[in-house]
Amino acid sequence: MSISLSEALLVAVLGVGVVFIVLIILMTSIEITSKLIGSKKKNNKLEAEAEDTAQVPVLTDTAYFDGSMGEVKTFSVPDRTAAMIMAVVADQSGIPLGQLYFKSIKEISE
């Protein structure tokens, strides 16, 4: 039993069509799943941030930087200035900023 050229082409086209349809179904299911997971992660992250901000103590004259090595207490120093000081110290010492531990930064006026 042999098949003609037209029948062989029809089987090939149908086979490739089925493969593409399955790939499209997989692609859409993966996109839908990733959007669902992404929205859940986003909601969890927002809830965690809301909990974190609710637990941060409010101080009148100080601010806290959450660095990789702990908190930095700043007294009457703007956030931008404190960040610049930390960056300069890391650069001048040659030690990566993530390995330095800053306890506090205080402005000294003369």
PDB file of N, CA and C in Angstrom:
ATOM      1  N   MET A   1       0.842  -1.166   0.000  1.00  0.00           N
ATOM      2  CA  MET A   1       0.000   0.000   0.000  1.00  0.00           C
ATOM      3  C   MET A   1       0.896   1.240   0.000  1.00  0.00           C
ATOM      4  N   SER A   2       0.784   2.026  -0.998  1.00  0.00           N
ATOM      5  CA  SER A   2       1.580   3.249  -1.068  1.00  0.00           C
ATOM      6  C   SER A   2       0.638   4.439  -1.160  1.00  0.00           C
ATOM      7  N   ILE A   3       1.154   5.576  -0.696  1.00  0.00           N
ATOM      8  CA  ILE A   3       0.331   6.786  -0.742  1.00  0.00           C
ATOM      9  C   ILE A   3       0.879   7.714  -1.813  1.00  0.00           C
ATOM     10  N   SER A   4       0.018   8.518  -2.321  1.00  0.00           N
ATOM     11  CA  SER A   4       0.442   9.431  -3.383  1.00  0.00           C
ATOM     12  C   SER A   4       1.148  10.647  -2.782  1.00  0.00           C
ATOM     13  N   LEU A   5       1.776  11.411  -3.635  1.00  0.00           N
ATOM     14  CA  LEU A   5       2.500  12.604  -3.209  1.00  0.00           C
ATOM     15  C   LEU A   5       1.568  13.619  -2.552  1.00  0.00           C
ATOM     16  N   SER A   6       0.397  13.788  -3.065  1.00  0.00           N
ATOM     17  CA  SER A   6      -0.546  14.753  -2.491  1.00  0.00           C
ATOM     18  C   SER A   6      -1.007  14.323  -1.104  1.00  0.00           C
ATOM     19  N   GLU A   7      -1.203  13.023  -0.901  1.00  0.00           N
ATOM     20  CA  GLU A   7      -1.586  12.525   0.417  1.00  0.00           C
ATOM     21  C   GLU A   7      -0.442  12.706   1.412  1.00  0.00           C
ATOM     22  N   ALA A   8       0.791  12.461   0.983  1.00  0.00           N
ATOM     23  CA  ALA A   8       1.954  12.640   1.853  1.00  0.00           C
ATOM     24  C   ALA A   8       2.107  14.097   2.270  1.00  0.00           C
ATOM     25  N   LEU A   9       1.903  15.005   1.300  1.00  0.00           N
ATOM     26  CA  LEU A   9       1.984  16.435   1.630  1.00  0.00           C
ATOM     27  C   LEU A   9       0.879  16.843   2.601  1.00  0.00           C
ATOM     28  N   LEU A  10      -0.305  16.304   2.420  1.00  0.00           N
ATOM     29  CA  LEU A  10      -1.418  16.614   3.309  1.00  0.00           C
ATOM     30  C   LEU A  10      -1.124  16.141   4.731  1.00  0.00           C
ATOM     31  N   VAL A  11      -0.577  14.943   4.878  1.00  0.00           N
ATOM     32  CA  VAL A  11      -0.226  14.408   6.201  1.00  0.00           C
ATOM     33  C   VAL A  11       0.870  15.265   6.844  1.00  0.00           C
ATOM     34  N   ALA A  12       1.854  15.679   6.059  1.00  0.00           N
ATOM     35  CA  ALA A  12       2.943  16.509   6.583  1.00  0.00           C
ATOM     36  C   ALA A  12       2.423  17.862   7.052  1.00  0.00           C
ATOM     37  N   VAL A  13       1.577  18.480   6.234  1.00  0.00           N
ATOM     38  CA  VAL A  13       1.018  19.788   6.598  1.00  0.00           C
ATOM     39  C   VAL A  13       0.151  19.676   7.838  1.00  0.00           C
ATOM     40  N   LEU A  14      -0.658  18.634   7.918  1.00  0.00           N
ATOM     41  CA  LEU A  14      -1.493  18.436   9.098  1.00  0.00           C
ATOM     42  C   LEU A  14      -0.624  18.191  10.353  1.00  0.00           C
ATOM     43  N   GLY A  15       0.426  17.408  10.203  1.00  0.00           N
ATOM     44  CA  GLY A  15       1.325  17.157  11.341  1.00  0.00           C
ATOM     45  C   GLY A  15       1.983  18.428  11.842  1.00  0.00           C
ATOM     46  N   VAL A  16       2.511  19.245  10.913  1.00  0.00           N
ATOM     47  CA  VAL A  16       3.141  20.515  11.296  1.00  0.00           C
ATOM     48  C   VAL A  16       2.097  21.442  11.915  1.00  0.00           C
ATOM     49  N   GLY A  17       0.883  21.441  11.365  1.00  0.00           N
ATOM     50  CA  GLY A  17      -0.193  22.277  11.918  1.00  0.00           C
ATOM     51  C   GLY A  17      -0.530  21.893  13.339  1.00  0.00           C
ATOM     52  N   VAL A  18      -0.611  20.585  13.613  1.00  0.00           N
ATOM     53  CA  VAL A  18      -0.897  20.117  14.969  1.00  0.00           C
ATOM     54  C   VAL A  18       0.208  20.548  15.923  1.00  0.00           C
ATOM     55  N   VAL A  19       1.454  20.437  15.486  1.00  0.00           N
ATOM     56  CA  VAL A  19       2.582  20.845  16.338  1.00  0.00           C
ATOM     57  C   VAL A  19       2.475  22.332  16.669  1.00  0.00           C
ATOM     58  N   PHE A  20       2.193  23.166  15.673  1.00  0.00           N
ATOM     59  CA  PHE A  20       2.081  24.603  15.925  1.00  0.00           C
ATOM     60  C   PHE A  20       0.904  24.932  16.835  1.00  0.00           C
ATOM     61  N   ILE A  21      -0.206  24.251  16.656  1.00  0.00           N
ATOM     62  CA  ILE A  21      -1.365  24.491  17.524  1.00  0.00           C
ATOM     63  C   ILE A  21      -1.032  24.149  18.969  1.00  0.00           C
ATOM     64  N   VAL A  22      -0.345  23.011  19.183  1.00  0.00           N
ATOM     65  CA  VAL A  22       0.045  22.617  20.537  1.00  0.00           C
ATOM     66  C   VAL A  22       1.029  23.633  21.117  1.00  0.00           C
ATOM     67  N   LEU A  23       1.972  24.107  20.306  1.00  0.00           N
ATOM     68  CA  LEU A  23       2.919  25.116  20.790  1.00  0.00           C
ATOM     69  C   LEU A  23       2.207  26.413  21.177  1.00  0.00           C
ATOM     70  N   ILE A  24       1.236  26.827  20.401  1.00  0.00           N
ATOM     71  CA  ILE A  24       0.486  28.044  20.717  1.00  0.00           C
ATOM     72  C   ILE A  24      -0.299  27.866  22.015  1.00  0.00           C
ATOM     73  N   ILE A  25      -0.892  26.709  22.200  1.00  0.00           N
ATOM     74  CA  ILE A  25      -1.620  26.429  23.444  1.00  0.00           C
ATOM     75  C   ILE A  25      -0.669  26.464  24.635  1.00  0.00           C
ATOM     76  N   LEU A  26       0.495  25.841  24.509  1.00  0.00           N
ATOM     77  CA  LEU A  26       1.483  25.865  25.584  1.00  0.00           C
ATOM     78  C   LEU A  26       1.945  27.293  25.885  1.00  0.00           C
ATOM     79  N   MET A  27       2.200  28.067  24.834  1.00  0.00           N
ATOM     80  CA  MET A  27       2.667  29.435  25.023  1.00  0.00           C
ATOM     81  C   MET A  27       1.631  30.270  25.779  1.00  0.00           C
ATOM     82  N   THR A  28       0.372  30.159  25.389  1.00  0.00           N
ATOM     83  CA  THR A  28      -0.662  30.944  26.072  1.00  0.00           C
ATOM     84  C   THR A  28      -0.864  30.482  27.511  1.00  0.00           C
ATOM     85  N   SER A  29      -0.785  29.180  27.753  1.00  0.00           N
ATOM     86  CA  SER A  29      -0.943  28.704  29.130  1.00  0.00           C
ATOM     87  C   SER A  29       0.225  29.151  29.998  1.00  0.00           C
ATOM     88  N   ILE A  30       1.434  29.178  29.454  1.00  0.00           N
ATOM     89  CA  ILE A  30       2.589  29.658  30.217  1.00  0.00           C
ATOM     90  C   ILE A  30       2.453  31.147  30.508  1.00  0.00           C
ATOM     91  N   GLU A  31       2.011  31.933  29.541  1.00  0.00           N
ATOM     92  CA  GLU A  31       1.833  33.376  29.765  1.00  0.00           C
ATOM     93  C   GLU A  31       0.775  33.641  30.809  1.00  0.00           C
ATOM     94  N   ILE A  32      -0.340  32.922  30.745  1.00  0.00           N
ATOM     95  CA  ILE A  32      -1.401  33.101  31.734  1.00  0.00           C
ATOM     96  C   ILE A  32      -0.909  32.729  33.125  1.00  0.00           C
ATOM     97  N   THR A  33      -0.202  31.603  33.216  1.00  0.00           N
ATOM     98  CA  THR A  33       0.334  31.166  34.510  1.00  0.00           C
ATOM     99  C   THR A  33       1.342  32.172  35.058  1.00  0.00           C
ATOM    100  N   SER A  34       2.230  32.675  34.213  1.00  0.00           N
ATOM    101  CA  SER A  34       3.222  33.630  34.695  1.00  0.00           C
ATOM    102  C   SER A  34       2.572  34.938  35.133  1.00  0.00           C
ATOM    103  N   LYS A  35       1.515  35.365  34.458  1.00  0.00           N
ATOM    104  CA  LYS A  35       0.810  36.577  34.881  1.00  0.00           C
ATOM    105  C   LYS A  35       0.120  36.360  36.220  1.00  0.00           C
ATOM    106  N   LEU A  36      -0.470  35.195  36.418  1.00  0.00           N
ATOM    107  CA  LEU A  36      -1.115  34.900  37.698  1.00  0.00           C
ATOM    108  C   LEU A  36      -0.098  34.857  38.821  1.00  0.00           C
ATOM    109  N   ILE A  37       1.017  34.178  38.591  1.00  0.00           N
ATOM    110  CA  ILE A  37       2.063  34.090  39.609  1.00  0.00           C
ATOM    111  C   ILE A  37       2.674  35.454  39.854  1.00  0.00           C
ATOM    112  N   GLY A  38       2.900  36.222  38.791  1.00  0.00           N
ATOM    113  CA  GLY A  38       3.469  37.561  38.933  1.00  0.00           C
ATOM    114  C   GLY A  38       2.571  38.474  39.739  1.00  0.00           C
ATOM    115  N   SER A  39       1.265  38.396  39.515  1.00  0.00           N
ATOM    116  CA  SER A  39       0.351  39.253  40.272  1.00  0.00           C
ATOM    117  C   SER A  39       0.298  38.827  41.733  1.00  0.00           C
ATOM    118  N   LYS A  40       0.386  37.531  41.991  1.00  0.00           N
ATOM    119  CA  LYS A  40       0.412  37.063  43.380  1.00  0.00           C
ATOM    120  C   LYS A  40       1.679  37.529  44.071  1.00  0.00           C
ATOM    121  N   LYS A  41       2.827  37.432  43.382  1.00  0.00           N
ATOM    122  CA  LYS A  41       4.084  37.891  43.967  1.00  0.00           C
ATOM    123  C   LYS A  41       4.044  39.389  44.214  1.00  0.00           C
ATOM    124  N   LYS A  42       3.454  40.129  43.277  1.00  0.00           N
ATOM    125  CA  LYS A  42       3.363  41.580  43.419  1.00  0.00           C
ATOM    126  C   LYS A  42       2.493  41.924  44.619  1.00  0.00           C
ATOM    127  N   ASN A  43       1.363  41.227  44.772  1.00  0.00           N
ATOM    128  CA  ASN A  43       0.491  41.474  45.918  1.00  0.00           C
ATOM    129  C   ASN A  43       1.185  41.119  47.221  1.00  0.00           C
ATOM    130  N   ASN A  44       1.906  39.986  47.239  1.00  0.00           N
ATOM    131  CA  ASN A  44       2.638  39.595  48.443  1.00  0.00           C
ATOM    132  C   ASN A  44       3.723  40.599  48.773  1.00  0.00           C
ATOM    133  N   LYS A  45       4.401  41.111  47.740  1.00  0.00           N
ATOM    134  CA  LYS A  45       5.458  42.092  47.959  1.00  0.00           C
ATOM    135  C   LYS A  45       4.878  43.389  48.511  1.00  0.00           C
ATOM    136  N   LEU A  46       3.744  43.824  47.959  1.00  0.00           N
ATOM    137  CA  LEU A  46       3.113  45.035  48.449  1.00  0.00           C
ATOM    138  C   LEU A  46       2.654  44.873  49.893  1.00  0.00           C
ATOM    139  N   GLU A  47       2.119  43.700  50.226  1.00  0.00           N
ATOM    140  CA  GLU A  47       1.705  43.441  51.603  1.00  0.00           C
ATOM    141  C   GLU A  47       2.901  43.424  52.538  1.00  0.00           C
ATOM    142  N   ALA A  48       4.006  42.824  52.101  1.00  0.00           N
ATOM    143  CA  ALA A  48       5.214  42.777  52.928  1.00  0.00           C
ATOM    144  C   ALA A  48       5.775  44.180  53.130  1.00  0.00           C
ATOM    145  N   GLU A  49       5.765  45.006  52.071  1.00  0.00           N
ATOM    146  CA  GLU A  49       6.238  46.377  52.208  1.00  0.00           C
ATOM    147  C   GLU A  49       5.342  47.161  53.144  1.00  0.00           C
ATOM    148  N   ALA A  50       4.046  46.929  53.083  1.00  0.00           N
ATOM    149  CA  ALA A  50       3.122  47.626  53.979  1.00  0.00           C
ATOM    150  C   ALA A  50       3.383  47.227  55.427  1.00  0.00           C
ATOM    151  N   GLU A  51       3.658  45.944  55.652  1.00  0.00           N
ATOM    152  CA  GLU A  51       3.977  45.492  57.001  1.00  0.00           C
ATOM    153  C   GLU A  51       5.303  46.076  57.468  1.00  0.00           C
ATOM    154  N   ASP A  52       6.294  46.131  56.578  1.00  0.00           N
ATOM    155  CA  ASP A  52       7.599  46.682  56.940  1.00  0.00           C
ATOM    156  C   ASP A  52       7.486  48.155  57.298  1.00  0.00           C
ATOM    157  N   THR A  53       6.729  48.918  56.531  1.00  0.00           N
ATOM    158  CA  THR A  53       6.613  50.344  56.822  1.00  0.00           C
ATOM    159  C   THR A  53       5.812  50.569  58.089  1.00  0.00           C
ATOM    160  N   ALA A  54       4.922  49.658  58.417  1.00  0.00           N
ATOM    161  CA  ALA A  54       4.151  49.808  59.643  1.00  0.00           C
ATOM    162  C   ALA A  54       5.018  49.559  60.864  1.00  0.00           C
ATOM    163  N   GLN A  55       6.098  48.791  60.731  1.00  0.00           N
ATOM    164  CA  GLN A  55       6.932  48.448  61.862  1.00  0.00           C
ATOM    165  C   GLN A  55       8.140  49.365  62.029  1.00  0.00           C
ATOM    166  N   VAL A  56       8.381  50.279  61.085  1.00  0.00           N
ATOM    167  CA  VAL A  56       9.533  51.164  61.171  1.00  0.00           C
ATOM    168  C   VAL A  56       9.249  52.238  62.209  1.00  0.00           C
ATOM    169  N   PRO A  57      10.148  52.421  63.196  1.00  0.00           N
ATOM    170  CA  PRO A  57       9.917  53.462  64.194  1.00  0.00           C
ATOM    171  C   PRO A  57      10.077  54.845  63.562  1.00  0.00           C
ATOM    172  N   VAL A  58       9.213  55.749  63.937  1.00  0.00           N
ATOM    173  CA  VAL A  58       9.270  57.108  63.418  1.00  0.00           C
ATOM    174  C   VAL A  58      10.042  57.958  64.412  1.00  0.00           C
ATOM    175  N   LEU A  59      11.165  58.499  63.973  1.00  0.00           N
ATOM    176  CA  LEU A  59      11.995  59.356  64.805  1.00  0.00           C
ATOM    177  C   LEU A  59      11.987  60.756  64.223  1.00  0.00           C
ATOM    178  N   THR A  60      12.042  61.751  65.068  1.00  0.00           N
ATOM    179  CA  THR A  60      11.909  63.114  64.578  1.00  0.00           C
ATOM    180  C   THR A  60      13.165  63.611  63.884  1.00  0.00           C
ATOM    181  N   ASP A  61      14.340  63.273  64.377  1.00  0.00           N
ATOM    182  CA  ASP A  61      15.562  63.872  63.853  1.00  0.00           C
ATOM    183  C   ASP A  61      16.504  62.848  63.228  1.00  0.00           C
ATOM    184  N   THR A  62      16.079  61.628  63.088  1.00  0.00           N
ATOM    185  CA  THR A  62      16.968  60.607  62.548  1.00  0.00           C
ATOM    186  C   THR A  62      16.280  59.853  61.419  1.00  0.00           C
ATOM    187  N   ALA A  63      17.080  59.229  60.598  1.00  0.00           N
ATOM    188  CA  ALA A  63      16.568  58.374  59.521  1.00  0.00           C
ATOM    189  C   ALA A  63      17.412  57.114  59.498  1.00  0.00           C
ATOM    190  N   TYR A  64      16.875  56.055  58.948  1.00  0.00           N
ATOM    191  CA  TYR A  64      17.600  54.793  58.883  1.00  0.00           C
ATOM    192  C   TYR A  64      17.783  54.371  57.437  1.00  0.00           C
ATOM    193  N   PHE A  65      19.001  53.922  57.111  1.00  0.00           N
ATOM    194  CA  PHE A  65      19.275  53.317  55.821  1.00  0.00           C
ATOM    195  C   PHE A  65      19.382  51.830  56.067  1.00  0.00           C
ATOM    196  N   ASP A  66      18.618  51.041  55.327  1.00  0.00           N
ATOM    197  CA  ASP A  66      18.742  49.595  55.429  1.00  0.00           C
ATOM    198  C   ASP A  66      19.781  49.153  54.416  1.00  0.00           C
ATOM    199  N   GLY A  67      20.991  48.907  54.870  1.00  0.00           N
ATOM    200  CA  GLY A  67      22.048  48.432  53.997  1.00  0.00           C
ATOM    201  C   GLY A  67      22.175  46.938  54.097  1.00  0.00           C
ATOM    202  N   SER A  68      23.070  46.383  53.328  1.00  0.00           N
ATOM    203  CA  SER A  68      23.240  44.947  53.368  1.00  0.00           C
ATOM    204  C   SER A  68      23.916  44.502  54.661  1.00  0.00           C
ATOM    205  N   MET A  69      24.541  45.427  55.358  1.00  0.00           N
ATOM    206  CA  MET A  69      25.232  45.071  56.596  1.00  0.00           C
ATOM    207  C   MET A  69      24.532  45.656  57.824  1.00  0.00           C
ATOM    208  N   GLY A  70      23.293  46.056  57.727  1.00  0.00           N
ATOM    209  CA  GLY A  70      22.560  46.553  58.883  1.00  0.00           C
ATOM    210  C   GLY A  70      22.015  47.943  58.663  1.00  0.00           C
ATOM    211  N   GLU A  71      21.655  48.592  59.759  1.00  0.00           N
ATOM    212  CA  GLU A  71      21.069  49.917  59.702  1.00  0.00           C
ATOM    213  C   GLU A  71      22.128  50.974  59.954  1.00  0.00           C
ATOM    214  N   VAL A  72      21.934  52.140  59.332  1.00  0.00           N
ATOM    215  CA  VAL A  72      22.811  53.293  59.544  1.00  0.00           C
ATOM    216  C   VAL A  72      21.953  54.385  60.122  1.00  0.00           C
ATOM    217  N   LYS A  73      22.315  54.860  61.278  1.00  0.00           N
ATOM    218  CA  LYS A  73      21.571  55.927  61.916  1.00  0.00           C
ATOM    219  C   LYS A  73      22.156  57.254  61.456  1.00  0.00           C
ATOM    220  N   THR A  74      21.310  58.138  60.954  1.00  0.00           N
ATOM    221  CA  THR A  74      21.782  59.451  60.508  1.00  0.00           C
ATOM    222  C   THR A  74      21.146  60.521  61.374  1.00  0.00           C
ATOM    223  N   PHE A  75      21.948  61.487  61.779  1.00  0.00           N
ATOM    224  CA  PHE A  75      21.477  62.587  62.615  1.00  0.00           C
ATOM    225  C   PHE A  75      21.614  63.884  61.831  1.00  0.00           C
ATOM    226  N   SER A  76      20.498  64.504  61.487  1.00  0.00           N
ATOM    227  CA  SER A  76      20.458  65.797  60.786  1.00  0.00           C
ATOM    228  C   SER A  76      21.276  65.779  59.505  1.00  0.00           C
ATOM    229  N   VAL A  77      21.332  64.631  58.831  1.00  0.00           N
ATOM    230  CA  VAL A  77      22.061  64.515  57.568  1.00  0.00           C
ATOM    231  C   VAL A  77      21.056  64.078  56.502  1.00  0.00           C
ATOM    232  N   PRO A  78      20.970  64.817  55.389  1.00  0.00           N
ATOM    233  CA  PRO A  78      20.052  64.395  54.327  1.00  0.00           C
ATOM    234  C   PRO A  78      20.442  63.028  53.765  1.00  0.00           C
ATOM    235  N   ASP A  79      19.455  62.319  53.287  1.00  0.00           N
ATOM    236  CA  ASP A  79      19.693  60.963  52.758  1.00  0.00           C
ATOM    237  C   ASP A  79      20.727  60.976  51.640  1.00  0.00           C
ATOM    238  N   ARG A  80      20.636  61.945  50.753  1.00  0.00           N
ATOM    239  CA  ARG A  80      21.573  62.021  49.628  1.00  0.00           C
ATOM    240  C   ARG A  80      23.007  62.220  50.122  1.00  0.00           C
ATOM    241  N   THR A  81      23.189  63.081  51.112  1.00  0.00           N
ATOM    242  CA  THR A  81      24.529  63.333  51.660  1.00  0.00           C
ATOM    243  C   THR A  81      25.082  62.079  52.323  1.00  0.00           C
ATOM    244  N   ALA A  82      24.238  61.378  53.088  1.00  0.00           N
ATOM    245  CA  ALA A  82      24.687  60.157  53.752  1.00  0.00           C
ATOM    246  C   ALA A  82      25.088  59.101  52.720  1.00  0.00           C
ATOM    247  N   ALA A  83      24.327  58.992  51.648  1.00  0.00           N
ATOM    248  CA  ALA A  83      24.662  58.026  50.601  1.00  0.00           C
ATOM    249  C   ALA A  83      25.972  58.390  49.930  1.00  0.00           C
ATOM    250  N   MET A  84      26.209  59.678  49.702  1.00  0.00           N
ATOM    251  CA  MET A  84      27.467  60.114  49.087  1.00  0.00           C
ATOM    252  C   MET A  84      28.650  59.822  50.009  1.00  0.00           C
ATOM    253  N   ILE A  85      28.477  60.075  51.293  1.00  0.00           N
ATOM    254  CA  ILE A  85      29.562  59.807  52.255  1.00  0.00           C
ATOM    255  C   ILE A  85      29.893  58.320  52.262  1.00  0.00           C
ATOM    256  N   MET A  86      28.868  57.484  52.281  1.00  0.00           N
ATOM    257  CA  MET A  86      29.108  56.044  52.290  1.00  0.00           C
ATOM    258  C   MET A  86      29.805  55.600  51.009  1.00  0.00           C
ATOM    259  N   ALA A  87      29.415  56.168  49.870  1.00  0.00           N
ATOM    260  CA  ALA A  87      30.040  55.806  48.597  1.00  0.00           C
ATOM    261  C   ALA A  87      31.493  56.258  48.544  1.00  0.00           C
ATOM    262  N   VAL A  88      31.784  57.448  49.053  1.00  0.00           N
ATOM    263  CA  VAL A  88      33.163  57.957  49.050  1.00  0.00           C
ATOM    264  C   VAL A  88      34.045  57.104  49.954  1.00  0.00           C
ATOM    265  N   VAL A  89      33.537  56.747  51.126  1.00  0.00           N
ATOM    266  CA  VAL A  89      34.329  55.905  52.044  1.00  0.00           C
ATOM    267  C   VAL A  89      34.623  54.552  51.400  1.00  0.00           C
ATOM    268  N   ALA A  90      33.632  53.972  50.748  1.00  0.00           N
ATOM    269  CA  ALA A  90      33.836  52.676  50.085  1.00  0.00           C
ATOM    270  C   ALA A  90      34.854  52.805  48.963  1.00  0.00           C
ATOM    271  N   ASP A  91      34.771  53.886  48.194  1.00  0.00           N
ATOM    272  CA  ASP A  91      35.698  54.083  47.082  1.00  0.00           C
ATOM    273  C   ASP A  91      37.119  54.329  47.578  1.00  0.00           C
ATOM    274  N   GLN A  92      37.271  55.188  48.558  1.00  0.00           N
ATOM    275  CA  GLN A  92      38.604  55.524  49.061  1.00  0.00           C
ATOM    276  C   GLN A  92      39.270  54.340  49.778  1.00  0.00           C
ATOM    277  N   SER A  93      38.481  53.540  50.473  1.00  0.00           N
ATOM    278  CA  SER A  93      39.057  52.404  51.194  1.00  0.00           C
ATOM    279  C   SER A  93      39.271  51.194  50.284  1.00  0.00           C
ATOM    280  N   GLY A  94      38.595  51.177  49.134  1.00  0.00           N
ATOM    281  CA  GLY A  94      38.730  50.047  48.225  1.00  0.00           C
ATOM    282  C   GLY A  94      37.931  48.831  48.656  1.00  0.00           C
ATOM    283  N   ILE A  95      37.064  49.014  49.647  1.00  0.00           N
ATOM    284  CA  ILE A  95      36.234  47.919  50.148  1.00  0.00           C
ATOM    285  C   ILE A  95      34.838  48.085  49.553  1.00  0.00           C
ATOM    286  N   PRO A  96      34.239  47.017  49.038  1.00  0.00           N
ATOM    287  CA  PRO A  96      32.887  47.135  48.492  1.00  0.00           C
ATOM    288  C   PRO A  96      31.902  47.634  49.546  1.00  0.00           C
ATOM    289  N   LEU A  97      30.951  48.442  49.112  1.00  0.00           N
ATOM    290  CA  LEU A  97      29.989  49.050  50.029  1.00  0.00           C
ATOM    291  C   LEU A  97      29.216  47.999  50.819  1.00  0.00           C
ATOM    292  N   GLY A  98      28.926  46.866  50.207  1.00  0.00           N
ATOM    293  CA  GLY A  98      28.187  45.809  50.889  1.00  0.00           C
ATOM    294  C   GLY A  98      28.962  45.151  52.015  1.00  0.00           C
ATOM    295  N   GLN A  99      30.279  45.366  52.066  1.00  0.00           N
ATOM    296  CA  GLN A  99      31.094  44.757  53.124  1.00  0.00           C
ATOM    297  C   GLN A  99      31.414  45.738  54.240  1.00  0.00           C
ATOM    298  N   LEU A 100      31.044  46.992  54.067  1.00  0.00           N
ATOM    299  CA  LEU A 100      31.282  47.989  55.103  1.00  0.00           C
ATOM    300  C   LEU A 100      30.099  48.044  56.053  1.00  0.00           C
ATOM    301  N   TYR A 101      30.380  48.394  57.306  1.00  0.00           N
ATOM    302  CA  TYR A 101      29.334  48.524  58.309  1.00  0.00           C
ATOM    303  C   TYR A 101      29.385  49.938  58.862  1.00  0.00           C
ATOM    304  N   PHE A 102      28.356  50.707  58.606  1.00  0.00           N
ATOM    305  CA  PHE A 102      28.254  52.068  59.111  1.00  0.00           C
ATOM    306  C   PHE A 102      27.294  52.061  60.289  1.00  0.00           C
ATOM    307  N   LYS A 103      27.741  52.572  61.442  1.00  0.00           N
ATOM    308  CA  LYS A 103      26.860  52.638  62.608  1.00  0.00           C
ATOM    309  C   LYS A 103      26.000  53.882  62.563  1.00  0.00           C
ATOM    310  N   SER A 104      26.636  55.049  62.344  1.00  0.00           N
ATOM    311  CA  SER A 104      25.877  56.287  62.279  1.00  0.00           C
ATOM    312  C   SER A 104      26.657  57.321  61.483  1.00  0.00           C
ATOM    313  N   ILE A 105      25.927  58.300  60.982  1.00  0.00           N
ATOM    314  CA  ILE A 105      26.529  59.432  60.274  1.00  0.00           C
ATOM    315  C   ILE A 105      25.945  60.683  60.892  1.00  0.00           C
ATOM    316  N   LYS A 106      26.823  61.540  61.384  1.00  0.00           N
ATOM    317  CA  LYS A 106      26.391  62.738  62.090  1.00  0.00           C
ATOM    318  C   LYS A 106      27.126  63.948  61.538  1.00  0.00           C
ATOM    319  N   GLU A 107      26.411  65.036  61.327  1.00  0.00           N
ATOM    320  CA  GLU A 107      27.023  66.263  60.867  1.00  0.00           C
ATOM    321  C   GLU A 107      27.643  66.991  62.061  1.00  0.00           C
ATOM    322  N   ILE A 108      28.905  67.385  61.877  1.00  0.00           N
ATOM    323  CA  ILE A 108      29.616  68.119  62.937  1.00  0.00           C
ATOM    324  C   ILE A 108      29.813  69.545  62.448  1.00  0.00           C
ATOM    325  N   SER A 109      29.220  70.490  63.123  1.00  0.00           N
ATOM    326  CA  SER A 109      29.360  71.898  62.723  1.00  0.00           C
ATOM    327  C   SER A 109      30.412  72.557  63.586  1.00  0.00           C
ATOM    328  N   GLU A 110      31.147  73.476  62.963  1.00  0.00           N
ATOM    329  CA  GLU A 110      32.222  74.155  63.688  1.00  0.00           C
ATOM    330  C   GLU A 110      31.781  75.471  64.234  1.00  0.00           C
TER     331      GLU A 110
END
